[in-house]
Amino acid sequence: MKKSWERSVTVLLAVCAMSLVASAVYLSAEEVVCAPVVDTEDGSGVKCFTLTAGQSIDAGVVCATVIDDDLLLTYQTTGGWELQEAHLWIGLDLADMPQTKKGSPIPGQFPYVSGDITGATEFSVVIPLAEFGIACPDSDTQLPTLYIAAHAAVQLLLEDGSYQTETGWSAGDRILEKGNWATYSTITLSCVCEESGDDDAPEGCETAFAYSESDGNCFLDWGFNRWGWTIQVFDTDPVEQYPIYAAAGQCDTSKGTLVGYLMLDLANSTATMYTEDGFRLREVQFYIGEGMFPTDVNGEATVAPGQYPYVFDQLADSEQESFTFTIDIPAWAEELHVVAHAVVCGDYGE
């Protein structure tokens, strides 16, 4: 089935910046976190290829980068060129690309299709790396090469008011030695591991999650690369309290600090986070739903707090000891789950 994607209205670097800010998490110094990145010579993690039109015209770029566990591909035209439509295929083996018996690509059968976007200068596609079976282990690792066939129909307004139209491909090697001039690009990814995210965290602040010994499930046990818990809750307990642990790397509460509690009041549709003496709330992110985990814009499971449906990140100026907010409780099903994250500041000692 083809997947249609709305065109982006921001440039690639702006998309990256907003996504990184939205999913910021302060990590315990004891935790090793591994994340996939696109290999580049300059270390930027953004790999760009010329969008070549008519075999020799520079009509823009096609860029690839990783945001959380997703691959972001962006077409961006330059020099007055505009997009009419875009077709994208990406995979681990060129043999899997839709093609004729003689090996010519068939863009109309590519899985990611823009539809008619005539006049646009940018188009983006977000693809979960899990679709390619790519995930980071707990060590620096080279990941498989990904092959990209990025096709576009482009146009350029001429002085007489007519349009020059061309077919474009992301620059790289030819798919066929003779005949069709279509080209493909390649990117390699690596898992980059760091022991601490403390350099990016406010001094004296740690990431924290609500915990349940009996009904909690550690993210790490479900294939995610960061610690934390999703908690199953029951309508038979309309008011429930859960401890909140900070800096509990690898979901080991013995390594963490009890910094407060989550009070979940299902009867009144409210949630309250409050801290122990000496600690204050700086940010709160919260999820409640039938699935074990929140989902991102593509409907894929995620544990990045910035993508939870409830995000309160403006508490820094008045770091609070308690914070109450209203929640929408889904119609009861067989299961309901909660993920409660906070950034908690205070004196953690040495």
C-alpha atoms as a PDB file:
ATOM      1  CA  MET A   1       0.000   0.000   0.000  1.00  0.00           C
ATOM      2  CA  LYS A   2       1.313   3.445  -0.892  1.00  0.00           C
ATOM      3  CA  LYS A   3       1.782   5.910   1.915  1.00  0.00           C
ATOM      4  CA  SER A   4       0.869   9.557   1.296  1.00  0.00           C
ATOM      5  CA  TRP A   5       2.691  12.236   3.239  1.00  0.00           C
ATOM      6  CA  GLU A   6       1.912  15.938   3.525  1.00  0.00           C
ATOM      7  CA  ARG A   7       4.701  18.252   2.462  1.00  0.00           C
ATOM      8  CA  SER A   8       6.778  19.881   5.173  1.00  0.00           C
ATOM      9  CA  VAL A   9       6.740  23.645   5.678  1.00  0.00           C
ATOM     10  CA  THR A  10      10.095  23.931   7.424  1.00  0.00           C
ATOM     11  CA  VAL A  11      13.638  23.403   6.259  1.00  0.00           C
ATOM     12  CA  LEU A  12      15.434  20.197   7.190  1.00  0.00           C
ATOM     13  CA  LEU A  13      17.662  21.649   9.903  1.00  0.00           C
ATOM     14  CA  ALA A  14      14.667  23.331  11.538  1.00  0.00           C
ATOM     15  CA  VAL A  15      12.786  20.012  11.575  1.00  0.00           C
ATOM     16  CA  CYS A  16      15.767  18.346  13.207  1.00  0.00           C
ATOM     17  CA  ALA A  17      16.117  21.078  15.811  1.00  0.00           C
ATOM     18  CA  MET A  18      12.455  21.048  16.804  1.00  0.00           C
ATOM     19  CA  SER A  19      12.334  17.259  17.039  1.00  0.00           C
ATOM     20  CA  LEU A  20      15.444  17.118  19.170  1.00  0.00           C
ATOM     21  CA  VAL A  21      14.122  19.780  21.537  1.00  0.00           C
ATOM     22  CA  ALA A  22      10.714  18.134  21.768  1.00  0.00           C
ATOM     23  CA  SER A  23      12.199  14.793  22.752  1.00  0.00           C
ATOM     24  CA  ALA A  24      14.885  16.082  25.132  1.00  0.00           C
ATOM     25  CA  VAL A  25      15.409  13.801  28.132  1.00  0.00           C
ATOM     26  CA  TYR A  26      17.875  14.341  30.958  1.00  0.00           C
ATOM     27  CA  LEU A  27      19.769  11.139  31.633  1.00  0.00           C
ATOM     28  CA  SER A  28      21.378   9.646  34.678  1.00  0.00           C
ATOM     29  CA  ALA A  29      25.175   9.684  34.730  1.00  0.00           C
ATOM     30  CA  GLU A  30      25.056   5.953  35.379  1.00  0.00           C
ATOM     31  CA  GLU A  31      23.141   5.211  32.174  1.00  0.00           C
ATOM     32  CA  VAL A  32      24.585   4.231  28.797  1.00  0.00           C
ATOM     33  CA  VAL A  33      22.308   5.317  25.962  1.00  0.00           C
ATOM     34  CA  CYS A  34      22.883   4.255  22.361  1.00  0.00           C
ATOM     35  CA  ALA A  35      21.256   6.018  19.422  1.00  0.00           C
ATOM     36  CA  PRO A  36      21.423   5.517  15.641  1.00  0.00           C
ATOM     37  CA  VAL A  37      23.017   8.280  13.559  1.00  0.00           C
ATOM     38  CA  VAL A  38      23.706   8.744   9.860  1.00  0.00           C
ATOM     39  CA  ASP A  39      27.438   8.540   9.172  1.00  0.00           C
ATOM     40  CA  THR A  40      28.832  11.786   7.741  1.00  0.00           C
ATOM     41  CA  GLU A  41      32.325  13.186   7.253  1.00  0.00           C
ATOM     42  CA  ASP A  42      31.555  16.344   9.224  1.00  0.00           C
ATOM     43  CA  GLY A  43      29.799  14.518  12.060  1.00  0.00           C
ATOM     44  CA  SER A  44      26.574  16.492  11.555  1.00  0.00           C
ATOM     45  CA  GLY A  45      24.429  13.384  11.105  1.00  0.00           C
ATOM     46  CA  VAL A  46      22.766  14.948   8.042  1.00  0.00           C
ATOM     47  CA  LYS A  47      23.716  13.370   4.696  1.00  0.00           C
ATOM     48  CA  CYS A  48      22.642  15.246   1.555  1.00  0.00           C
ATOM     49  CA  PHE A  49      22.661  14.244  -2.103  1.00  0.00           C
ATOM     50  CA  THR A  50      22.130  16.468  -5.125  1.00  0.00           C
ATOM     51  CA  LEU A  51      18.668  16.196  -6.653  1.00  0.00           C
ATOM     52  CA  THR A  52      19.745  15.830 -10.273  1.00  0.00           C
ATOM     53  CA  ALA A  53      17.158  16.741 -12.924  1.00  0.00           C
ATOM     54  CA  GLY A  54      17.452  15.804 -16.575  1.00  0.00           C
ATOM     55  CA  GLN A  55      20.716  13.924 -15.889  1.00  0.00           C
ATOM     56  CA  SER A  56      22.821  17.067 -15.354  1.00  0.00           C
ATOM     57  CA  ILE A  57      20.823  19.873 -13.682  1.00  0.00           C
ATOM     58  CA  ASP A  58      21.274  20.667  -9.988  1.00  0.00           C
ATOM     59  CA  ALA A  59      17.662  21.131  -8.867  1.00  0.00           C
ATOM     60  CA  GLY A  60      18.186  20.845  -5.103  1.00  0.00           C
ATOM     61  CA  VAL A  61      19.034  18.199  -2.504  1.00  0.00           C
ATOM     62  CA  VAL A  62      17.682  15.081  -0.854  1.00  0.00           C
ATOM     63  CA  CYS A  63      18.852  14.835   2.762  1.00  0.00           C
ATOM     64  CA  ALA A  64      18.724  12.029   5.327  1.00  0.00           C
ATOM     65  CA  THR A  65      19.043  12.187   9.102  1.00  0.00           C
ATOM     66  CA  VAL A  66      17.813  10.262  12.166  1.00  0.00           C
ATOM     67  CA  ILE A  67      15.381  11.705  14.693  1.00  0.00           C
ATOM     68  CA  ASP A  68      14.994   9.434  17.723  1.00  0.00           C
ATOM     69  CA  ASP A  69      14.393   6.007  16.103  1.00  0.00           C
ATOM     70  CA  ASP A  70      13.045   7.387  12.815  1.00  0.00           C
ATOM     71  CA  LEU A  71      14.732   8.158   9.505  1.00  0.00           C
ATOM     72  CA  LEU A  72      13.819  11.580   8.097  1.00  0.00           C
ATOM     73  CA  LEU A  73      14.173  12.033   4.313  1.00  0.00           C
ATOM     74  CA  THR A  74      13.654  15.538   2.917  1.00  0.00           C
ATOM     75  CA  TYR A  75      13.525  16.781  -0.669  1.00  0.00           C
ATOM     76  CA  GLN A  76      14.376  20.478  -1.036  1.00  0.00           C
ATOM     77  CA  THR A  77      14.535  22.251  -4.397  1.00  0.00           C
ATOM     78  CA  THR A  78      16.693  25.285  -5.221  1.00  0.00           C
ATOM     79  CA  GLY A  79      17.373  27.651  -8.124  1.00  0.00           C
ATOM     80  CA  GLY A  80      13.702  28.254  -8.865  1.00  0.00           C
ATOM     81  CA  TRP A  81      12.892  24.576  -9.326  1.00  0.00           C
ATOM     82  CA  GLU A  82       9.665  23.268  -7.811  1.00  0.00           C
ATOM     83  CA  LEU A  83       8.330  19.815  -7.043  1.00  0.00           C
ATOM     84  CA  GLN A  84       5.352  18.350  -8.858  1.00  0.00           C
ATOM     85  CA  GLU A  85       5.431  14.974  -7.130  1.00  0.00           C
ATOM     86  CA  ALA A  86       7.892  12.713  -5.343  1.00  0.00           C
ATOM     87  CA  HIS A  87       8.314   8.943  -5.057  1.00  0.00           C
ATOM     88  CA  LEU A  88      10.655   7.312  -2.573  1.00  0.00           C
ATOM     89  CA  TRP A  89      11.917   3.796  -2.017  1.00  0.00           C
ATOM     90  CA  ILE A  90      14.436   2.819   0.637  1.00  0.00           C
ATOM     91  CA  GLY A  91      15.640  -0.627   1.646  1.00  0.00           C
ATOM     92  CA  LEU A  92      18.459  -2.998   2.458  1.00  0.00           C
ATOM     93  CA  ASP A  93      18.743  -4.545  -1.012  1.00  0.00           C
ATOM     94  CA  LEU A  94      18.210  -2.929  -4.426  1.00  0.00           C
ATOM     95  CA  ALA A  95      16.680  -6.183  -5.606  1.00  0.00           C
ATOM     96  CA  ASP A  96      13.668  -5.379  -3.401  1.00  0.00           C
ATOM     97  CA  MET A  97      12.975  -2.100  -5.225  1.00  0.00           C
ATOM     98  CA  PRO A  98       9.907  -2.160  -7.539  1.00  0.00           C
ATOM     99  CA  GLN A  99      11.363  -2.648 -11.017  1.00  0.00           C
ATOM    100  CA  THR A 100      10.707  -4.067 -14.458  1.00  0.00           C
ATOM    101  CA  LYS A 101      12.044  -7.442 -15.577  1.00  0.00           C
ATOM    102  CA  LYS A 102      15.024  -5.590 -17.079  1.00  0.00           C
ATOM    103  CA  GLY A 103      15.753  -3.797 -13.796  1.00  0.00           C
ATOM    104  CA  SER A 104      14.375  -0.318 -14.497  1.00  0.00           C
ATOM    105  CA  PRO A 105      12.804   1.253 -11.387  1.00  0.00           C
ATOM    106  CA  ILE A 106       9.042   1.822 -11.312  1.00  0.00           C
ATOM    107  CA  PRO A 107       8.560   5.021  -9.238  1.00  0.00           C
ATOM    108  CA  GLY A 108       4.779   4.712  -9.393  1.00  0.00           C
ATOM    109  CA  GLN A 109       5.067   1.568  -7.271  1.00  0.00           C
ATOM    110  CA  PHE A 110       7.416   3.052  -4.658  1.00  0.00           C
ATOM    111  CA  PRO A 111       5.919   2.878  -1.137  1.00  0.00           C
ATOM    112  CA  TYR A 112       6.246   6.584  -0.202  1.00  0.00           C
ATOM    113  CA  VAL A 113       4.375   8.905  -2.569  1.00  0.00           C
ATOM    114  CA  SER A 114       3.644  12.617  -2.197  1.00  0.00           C
ATOM    115  CA  GLY A 115       0.691  12.894  -4.518  1.00  0.00           C
ATOM    116  CA  ASP A 116       0.280  16.175  -6.405  1.00  0.00           C
ATOM    117  CA  ILE A 117       2.385  18.819  -4.640  1.00  0.00           C
ATOM    118  CA  THR A 118       2.921  21.091  -7.652  1.00  0.00           C
ATOM    119  CA  GLY A 119       4.679  24.287  -6.596  1.00  0.00           C
ATOM    120  CA  ALA A 120       6.163  22.901  -3.386  1.00  0.00           C
ATOM    121  CA  THR A 121       9.851  23.348  -2.704  1.00  0.00           C
ATOM    122  CA  GLU A 122      10.058  20.782   0.084  1.00  0.00           C
ATOM    123  CA  PHE A 123       8.667  17.360   0.913  1.00  0.00           C
ATOM    124  CA  SER A 124       9.541  15.126   3.882  1.00  0.00           C
ATOM    125  CA  VAL A 125       8.994  11.482   4.795  1.00  0.00           C
ATOM    126  CA  VAL A 126       9.491   9.940   8.246  1.00  0.00           C
ATOM    127  CA  ILE A 127      10.180   6.188   8.321  1.00  0.00           C
ATOM    128  CA  PRO A 128      10.675   4.133  11.515  1.00  0.00           C
ATOM    129  CA  LEU A 129      14.040   2.370  11.429  1.00  0.00           C
ATOM    130  CA  ALA A 130      12.225  -0.633  12.848  1.00  0.00           C
ATOM    131  CA  GLU A 131      10.770  -1.179   9.364  1.00  0.00           C
ATOM    132  CA  PHE A 132      14.273  -2.262   8.327  1.00  0.00           C
ATOM    133  CA  GLY A 133      14.930  -4.242  11.497  1.00  0.00           C
ATOM    134  CA  ILE A 134      17.432  -1.606  12.607  1.00  0.00           C
ATOM    135  CA  ALA A 135      17.885  -0.990  16.320  1.00  0.00           C
ATOM    136  CA  CYS A 136      20.855  -0.113  18.483  1.00  0.00           C
ATOM    137  CA  PRO A 137      22.345  -2.669  20.867  1.00  0.00           C
ATOM    138  CA  ASP A 138      24.095  -1.500  24.021  1.00  0.00           C
ATOM    139  CA  SER A 139      27.398  -0.824  22.243  1.00  0.00           C
ATOM    140  CA  ASP A 140      28.939   1.202  19.427  1.00  0.00           C
ATOM    141  CA  THR A 141      28.005  -0.749  16.311  1.00  0.00           C
ATOM    142  CA  GLN A 142      28.038  -0.327  12.537  1.00  0.00           C
ATOM    143  CA  LEU A 143      24.522  -0.797  11.146  1.00  0.00           C
ATOM    144  CA  PRO A 144      23.500  -2.032   7.673  1.00  0.00           C
ATOM    145  CA  THR A 145      23.738   0.140   4.565  1.00  0.00           C
ATOM    146  CA  LEU A 146      20.455   1.600   3.327  1.00  0.00           C
ATOM    147  CA  TYR A 147      19.794   2.107  -0.389  1.00  0.00           C
ATOM    148  CA  ILE A 148      17.714   5.127  -1.418  1.00  0.00           C
ATOM    149  CA  ALA A 149      15.931   5.674  -4.721  1.00  0.00           C
ATOM    150  CA  ALA A 150      14.512   9.191  -4.454  1.00  0.00           C
ATOM    151  CA  HIS A 151      12.597  10.181  -7.584  1.00  0.00           C
ATOM    152  CA  ALA A 152      10.883  13.491  -8.312  1.00  0.00           C
ATOM    153  CA  ALA A 153       9.098  15.289 -11.109  1.00  0.00           C
ATOM    154  CA  VAL A 154      10.229  18.933 -11.067  1.00  0.00           C
ATOM    155  CA  GLN A 155       9.412  22.130 -12.936  1.00  0.00           C
ATOM    156  CA  LEU A 156      11.064  25.512 -13.592  1.00  0.00           C
ATOM    157  CA  LEU A 157       9.161  28.657 -14.603  1.00  0.00           C
ATOM    158  CA  LEU A 158      10.656  30.202 -17.748  1.00  0.00           C
ATOM    159  CA  GLU A 159      10.620  33.838 -18.837  1.00  0.00           C
ATOM    160  CA  ASP A 160       7.846  33.256 -21.382  1.00  0.00           C
ATOM    161  CA  GLY A 161       5.564  31.910 -18.654  1.00  0.00           C
ATOM    162  CA  SER A 162       5.887  28.273 -19.658  1.00  0.00           C
ATOM    163  CA  TYR A 163       7.455  25.538 -17.541  1.00  0.00           C
ATOM    164  CA  GLN A 164      10.456  23.339 -18.148  1.00  0.00           C
ATOM    165  CA  THR A 165       9.703  19.914 -16.692  1.00  0.00           C
ATOM    166  CA  GLU A 166      12.244  17.232 -15.842  1.00  0.00           C
ATOM    167  CA  THR A 167      12.612  13.949 -14.013  1.00  0.00           C
ATOM    168  CA  GLY A 168      15.009  13.971 -11.081  1.00  0.00           C
ATOM    169  CA  TRP A 169      16.830  11.420  -8.927  1.00  0.00           C
ATOM    170  CA  SER A 170      19.022  11.673  -5.841  1.00  0.00           C
ATOM    171  CA  ALA A 171      22.620  11.559  -7.026  1.00  0.00           C
ATOM    172  CA  GLY A 172      24.648   8.384  -6.823  1.00  0.00           C
ATOM    173  CA  ASP A 173      25.380   5.294  -8.879  1.00  0.00           C
ATOM    174  CA  ARG A 174      23.290   4.343 -11.888  1.00  0.00           C
ATOM    175  CA  ILE A 175      20.801   1.556 -11.282  1.00  0.00           C
ATOM    176  CA  LEU A 176      21.393   0.257 -14.840  1.00  0.00           C
ATOM    177  CA  GLU A 177      24.598   0.547 -16.832  1.00  0.00           C
ATOM    178  CA  LYS A 178      22.669   1.305 -20.031  1.00  0.00           C
ATOM    179  CA  GLY A 179      19.290   2.774 -20.854  1.00  0.00           C
ATOM    180  CA  ASN A 180      17.369   4.327 -17.948  1.00  0.00           C
ATOM    181  CA  TRP A 181      19.652   6.894 -16.253  1.00  0.00           C
ATOM    182  CA  ALA A 182      17.985   6.553 -12.813  1.00  0.00           C
ATOM    183  CA  THR A 183      20.420   6.643  -9.880  1.00  0.00           C
ATOM    184  CA  TYR A 184      20.403   5.541  -6.264  1.00  0.00           C
ATOM    185  CA  SER A 185      22.102   6.872  -3.142  1.00  0.00           C
ATOM    186  CA  THR A 186      23.381   5.042  -0.072  1.00  0.00           C
ATOM    187  CA  ILE A 187      23.739   5.909   3.581  1.00  0.00           C
ATOM    188  CA  THR A 188      25.353   4.037   6.439  1.00  0.00           C
ATOM    189  CA  LEU A 189      24.286   4.293  10.051  1.00  0.00           C
ATOM    190  CA  SER A 190      26.105   3.670  13.301  1.00  0.00           C
ATOM    191  CA  CYS A 191      25.064   3.270  16.910  1.00  0.00           C
ATOM    192  CA  VAL A 192      26.725   5.946  19.002  1.00  0.00           C
ATOM    193  CA  CYS A 193      26.744   5.327  22.748  1.00  0.00           C
ATOM    194  CA  GLU A 194      27.275   7.824  25.534  1.00  0.00           C
ATOM    195  CA  GLU A 195      27.508   7.223  29.259  1.00  0.00           C
ATOM    196  CA  SER A 196      25.754  10.397  30.301  1.00  0.00           C
ATOM    197  CA  GLY A 197      23.427  13.090  29.148  1.00  0.00           C
ATOM    198  CA  ASP A 198      24.302  15.290  32.117  1.00  0.00           C
ATOM    199  CA  ASP A 199      26.158  17.842  29.973  1.00  0.00           C
ATOM    200  CA  ASP A 200      22.765  18.835  28.504  1.00  0.00           C
ATOM    201  CA  ALA A 201      20.816  18.696  31.763  1.00  0.00           C
ATOM    202  CA  PRO A 202      20.348  21.606  34.140  1.00  0.00           C
ATOM    203  CA  GLU A 203      22.664  21.340  37.110  1.00  0.00           C
ATOM    204  CA  GLY A 204      21.131  19.234  39.852  1.00  0.00           C
ATOM    205  CA  CYS A 205      18.297  17.863  37.653  1.00  0.00           C
ATOM    206  CA  GLU A 206      17.545  14.287  36.641  1.00  0.00           C
ATOM    207  CA  THR A 207      14.995  12.453  34.531  1.00  0.00           C
ATOM    208  CA  ALA A 208      12.390  10.549  36.575  1.00  0.00           C
ATOM    209  CA  PHE A 209       9.545   8.091  35.963  1.00  0.00           C
ATOM    210  CA  ALA A 210       6.623   6.775  37.989  1.00  0.00           C
ATOM    211  CA  TYR A 211       7.131   3.143  38.996  1.00  0.00           C
ATOM    212  CA  SER A 212       5.048   0.147  40.045  1.00  0.00           C
ATOM    213  CA  GLU A 213       6.703  -3.013  41.322  1.00  0.00           C
ATOM    214  CA  SER A 214       3.683  -5.187  40.509  1.00  0.00           C
ATOM    215  CA  ASP A 215       2.242  -3.548  37.383  1.00  0.00           C
ATOM    216  CA  GLY A 216       5.199  -1.747  35.796  1.00  0.00           C
ATOM    217  CA  ASN A 217       7.075  -2.801  32.652  1.00  0.00           C
ATOM    218  CA  CYS A 218      10.586  -1.500  31.940  1.00  0.00           C
ATOM    219  CA  PHE A 219      11.045   0.120  28.506  1.00  0.00           C
ATOM    220  CA  LEU A 220      14.289  -1.800  28.018  1.00  0.00           C
ATOM    221  CA  ASP A 221      12.434  -5.110  28.135  1.00  0.00           C
ATOM    222  CA  TRP A 222      10.367  -3.994  25.142  1.00  0.00           C
ATOM    223  CA  GLY A 223      13.205  -3.050  22.811  1.00  0.00           C
ATOM    224  CA  PHE A 224      13.594   0.639  23.618  1.00  0.00           C
ATOM    225  CA  ASN A 225      17.004   2.144  24.338  1.00  0.00           C
ATOM    226  CA  ARG A 226      16.133   4.213  27.396  1.00  0.00           C
ATOM    227  CA  TRP A 227      14.974   3.296  30.872  1.00  0.00           C
ATOM    228  CA  GLY A 228      11.582   4.063  32.377  1.00  0.00           C
ATOM    229  CA  TRP A 229       8.287   2.265  33.007  1.00  0.00           C
ATOM    230  CA  THR A 230       4.811   1.900  31.590  1.00  0.00           C
ATOM    231  CA  ILE A 231       2.270   1.026  34.288  1.00  0.00           C
ATOM    232  CA  GLN A 232      -0.948  -0.932  33.866  1.00  0.00           C
ATOM    233  CA  VAL A 233      -3.777   0.655  35.864  1.00  0.00           C
ATOM    234  CA  PHE A 234      -7.203  -0.687  36.782  1.00  0.00           C
ATOM    235  CA  ASP A 235     -10.616   0.957  37.060  1.00  0.00           C
ATOM    236  CA  THR A 236     -11.120  -0.963  40.296  1.00  0.00           C
ATOM    237  CA  ASP A 237      -8.599   1.418  41.887  1.00  0.00           C
ATOM    238  CA  PRO A 238     -10.001   4.884  41.054  1.00  0.00           C
ATOM    239  CA  VAL A 239      -7.291   6.563  43.174  1.00  0.00           C
ATOM    240  CA  GLU A 240      -3.781   5.139  43.108  1.00  0.00           C
ATOM    241  CA  GLN A 241      -0.354   6.376  44.169  1.00  0.00           C
ATOM    242  CA  TYR A 242       2.954   5.422  42.538  1.00  0.00           C
ATOM    243  CA  PRO A 243       6.516   6.298  43.582  1.00  0.00           C
ATOM    244  CA  ILE A 244       8.641   8.397  41.223  1.00  0.00           C
ATOM    245  CA  TYR A 245      12.317   7.447  40.862  1.00  0.00           C
ATOM    246  CA  ALA A 246      15.009   9.645  39.331  1.00  0.00           C
ATOM    247  CA  ALA A 247      18.301   8.489  37.784  1.00  0.00           C
ATOM    248  CA  ALA A 248      17.290   4.820  37.985  1.00  0.00           C
ATOM    249  CA  GLY A 249      19.446   3.712  35.056  1.00  0.00           C
ATOM    250  CA  GLN A 250      18.582   0.309  33.532  1.00  0.00           C
ATOM    251  CA  CYS A 251      15.301   0.483  35.536  1.00  0.00           C
ATOM    252  CA  ASP A 252      17.250  -0.365  38.713  1.00  0.00           C
ATOM    253  CA  THR A 253      15.520   1.535  41.516  1.00  0.00           C
ATOM    254  CA  SER A 254      18.401   0.734  43.873  1.00  0.00           C
ATOM    255  CA  LYS A 255      20.549   3.042  41.732  1.00  0.00           C
ATOM    256  CA  GLY A 256      17.932   5.792  41.707  1.00  0.00           C
ATOM    257  CA  THR A 257      16.484   8.290  44.138  1.00  0.00           C
ATOM    258  CA  LEU A 258      12.886   8.397  45.357  1.00  0.00           C
ATOM    259  CA  VAL A 259      11.966  11.989  44.529  1.00  0.00           C
ATOM    260  CA  GLY A 260       8.179  11.997  44.778  1.00  0.00           C
ATOM    261  CA  TYR A 261       4.885  10.370  43.899  1.00  0.00           C
ATOM    262  CA  LEU A 262       2.245  10.264  41.187  1.00  0.00           C
ATOM    263  CA  MET A 263      -1.346  10.453  42.424  1.00  0.00           C
ATOM    264  CA  LEU A 264      -3.713   9.138  39.757  1.00  0.00           C
ATOM    265  CA  ASP A 265      -7.350  10.038  40.418  1.00  0.00           C
ATOM    266  CA  LEU A 266      -9.400   8.281  37.737  1.00  0.00           C
ATOM    267  CA  ALA A 267     -12.690   9.213  39.370  1.00  0.00           C
ATOM    268  CA  ASN A 268     -11.998  12.934  38.898  1.00  0.00           C
ATOM    269  CA  SER A 269      -9.847  12.613  35.735  1.00  0.00           C
ATOM    270  CA  THR A 270      -6.791  14.235  37.293  1.00  0.00           C
ATOM    271  CA  ALA A 271      -3.144  13.386  37.812  1.00  0.00           C
ATOM    272  CA  THR A 272      -0.865  14.989  40.377  1.00  0.00           C
ATOM    273  CA  MET A 273       2.902  14.777  40.661  1.00  0.00           C
ATOM    274  CA  TYR A 274       4.438  15.954  43.917  1.00  0.00           C
ATOM    275  CA  THR A 275       7.984  15.803  45.237  1.00  0.00           C
ATOM    276  CA  GLU A 276       9.715  14.851  48.427  1.00  0.00           C
ATOM    277  CA  ASP A 277      11.365  17.577  50.523  1.00  0.00           C
ATOM    278  CA  GLY A 278      14.345  19.113  48.763  1.00  0.00           C
ATOM    279  CA  PHE A 279      13.154  18.363  45.221  1.00  0.00           C
ATOM    280  CA  ARG A 280      11.177  20.380  42.642  1.00  0.00           C
ATOM    281  CA  LEU A 281       9.445  19.639  39.356  1.00  0.00           C
ATOM    282  CA  ARG A 282      10.957  21.304  36.284  1.00  0.00           C
ATOM    283  CA  GLU A 283       9.046  19.467  33.504  1.00  0.00           C
ATOM    284  CA  VAL A 284       6.188  16.968  33.317  1.00  0.00           C
ATOM    285  CA  GLN A 285       5.219  14.675  30.416  1.00  0.00           C
ATOM    286  CA  PHE A 286       2.374  12.185  30.722  1.00  0.00           C
ATOM    287  CA  TYR A 287       0.568   9.465  28.774  1.00  0.00           C
ATOM    288  CA  ILE A 288      -2.564   7.455  29.481  1.00  0.00           C
ATOM    289  CA  GLY A 289      -4.094   5.104  26.938  1.00  0.00           C
ATOM    290  CA  GLU A 290      -5.092   1.578  26.019  1.00  0.00           C
ATOM    291  CA  GLY A 291      -1.723   0.754  24.446  1.00  0.00           C
ATOM    292  CA  MET A 292       1.308   0.044  26.588  1.00  0.00           C
ATOM    293  CA  PHE A 293       3.187   2.998  25.063  1.00  0.00           C
ATOM    294  CA  PRO A 294       2.451   6.365  23.458  1.00  0.00           C
ATOM    295  CA  THR A 295       2.679   6.590  19.668  1.00  0.00           C
ATOM    296  CA  ASP A 296       4.438   9.072  17.395  1.00  0.00           C
ATOM    297  CA  VAL A 297       3.033  10.897  14.362  1.00  0.00           C
ATOM    298  CA  ASN A 298       3.348   7.699  12.314  1.00  0.00           C
ATOM    299  CA  GLY A 299       1.468   5.599  14.834  1.00  0.00           C
ATOM    300  CA  GLU A 300       4.639   3.823  16.001  1.00  0.00           C
ATOM    301  CA  ALA A 301       5.267   3.119  19.689  1.00  0.00           C
ATOM    302  CA  THR A 302       7.629   5.617  21.312  1.00  0.00           C
ATOM    303  CA  VAL A 303       8.924   6.392  24.799  1.00  0.00           C
ATOM    304  CA  ALA A 304      10.362   9.838  23.948  1.00  0.00           C
ATOM    305  CA  PRO A 305       8.697  12.117  26.556  1.00  0.00           C
ATOM    306  CA  GLY A 306       8.413  15.015  24.118  1.00  0.00           C
ATOM    307  CA  GLN A 307       5.929  12.943  22.103  1.00  0.00           C
ATOM    308  CA  TYR A 308       3.594  12.130  25.006  1.00  0.00           C
ATOM    309  CA  PRO A 309       0.119  13.688  24.651  1.00  0.00           C
ATOM    310  CA  TYR A 310       0.522  15.791  27.816  1.00  0.00           C
ATOM    311  CA  VAL A 311       3.634  17.975  27.842  1.00  0.00           C
ATOM    312  CA  PHE A 312       4.242  20.675  30.467  1.00  0.00           C
ATOM    313  CA  ASP A 313       7.750  22.040  29.926  1.00  0.00           C
ATOM    314  CA  GLN A 314       7.287  25.583  31.224  1.00  0.00           C
ATOM    315  CA  LEU A 315       7.771  24.869  34.926  1.00  0.00           C
ATOM    316  CA  ALA A 316      11.446  25.930  35.012  1.00  0.00           C
ATOM    317  CA  ASP A 317      10.817  29.529  36.134  1.00  0.00           C
ATOM    318  CA  SER A 318       8.753  28.431  39.103  1.00  0.00           C
ATOM    319  CA  GLU A 319       9.997  24.920  39.830  1.00  0.00           C
ATOM    320  CA  GLN A 320       7.075  23.424  41.717  1.00  0.00           C
ATOM    321  CA  GLU A 321       6.784  20.894  44.498  1.00  0.00           C
ATOM    322  CA  SER A 322       3.445  19.664  43.092  1.00  0.00           C
ATOM    323  CA  PHE A 323       1.578  19.902  39.803  1.00  0.00           C
ATOM    324  CA  THR A 324      -1.983  18.803  39.024  1.00  0.00           C
ATOM    325  CA  PHE A 325      -3.522  18.524  35.562  1.00  0.00           C
ATOM    326  CA  THR A 326      -6.689  17.162  33.956  1.00  0.00           C
ATOM    327  CA  ILE A 327      -6.483  14.000  31.844  1.00  0.00           C
ATOM    328  CA  ASP A 328      -8.809  12.480  29.268  1.00  0.00           C
ATOM    329  CA  ILE A 329      -9.491   8.888  30.256  1.00  0.00           C
ATOM    330  CA  PRO A 330     -10.205   6.575  27.282  1.00  0.00           C
ATOM    331  CA  ALA A 331     -13.232   4.315  27.346  1.00  0.00           C
ATOM    332  CA  TRP A 332     -12.303   1.357  29.467  1.00  0.00           C
ATOM    333  CA  ALA A 333     -10.899  -1.619  27.628  1.00  0.00           C
ATOM    334  CA  GLU A 334      -9.161  -4.719  28.892  1.00  0.00           C
ATOM    335  CA  GLU A 335      -6.018  -2.715  29.582  1.00  0.00           C
ATOM    336  CA  LEU A 336      -5.110   0.899  30.338  1.00  0.00           C
ATOM    337  CA  HIS A 337      -1.551   2.125  30.774  1.00  0.00           C
ATOM    338  CA  VAL A 338       0.202   5.178  32.151  1.00  0.00           C
ATOM    339  CA  VAL A 339       3.671   6.570  31.501  1.00  0.00           C
ATOM    340  CA  ALA A 340       4.574   9.496  33.769  1.00  0.00           C
ATOM    341  CA  HIS A 341       7.867  11.322  33.232  1.00  0.00           C
ATOM    342  CA  ALA A 342       9.305  14.366  34.970  1.00  0.00           C
ATOM    343  CA  VAL A 343      12.513  16.322  35.206  1.00  0.00           C
ATOM    344  CA  VAL A 344      13.169  16.741  38.916  1.00  0.00           C
ATOM    345  CA  CYS A 345      15.741  19.121  40.377  1.00  0.00           C
ATOM    346  CA  GLY A 346      17.273  19.027  43.825  1.00  0.00           C
ATOM    347  CA  ASP A 347      20.255  17.924  45.886  1.00  0.00           C
ATOM    348  CA  TYR A 348      21.147  14.423  44.713  1.00  0.00           C
ATOM    349  CA  GLY A 349      24.471  14.418  46.565  1.00  0.00           C
ATOM    350  CA  GLU A 350      27.601  12.826  45.112  1.00  0.00           C
END
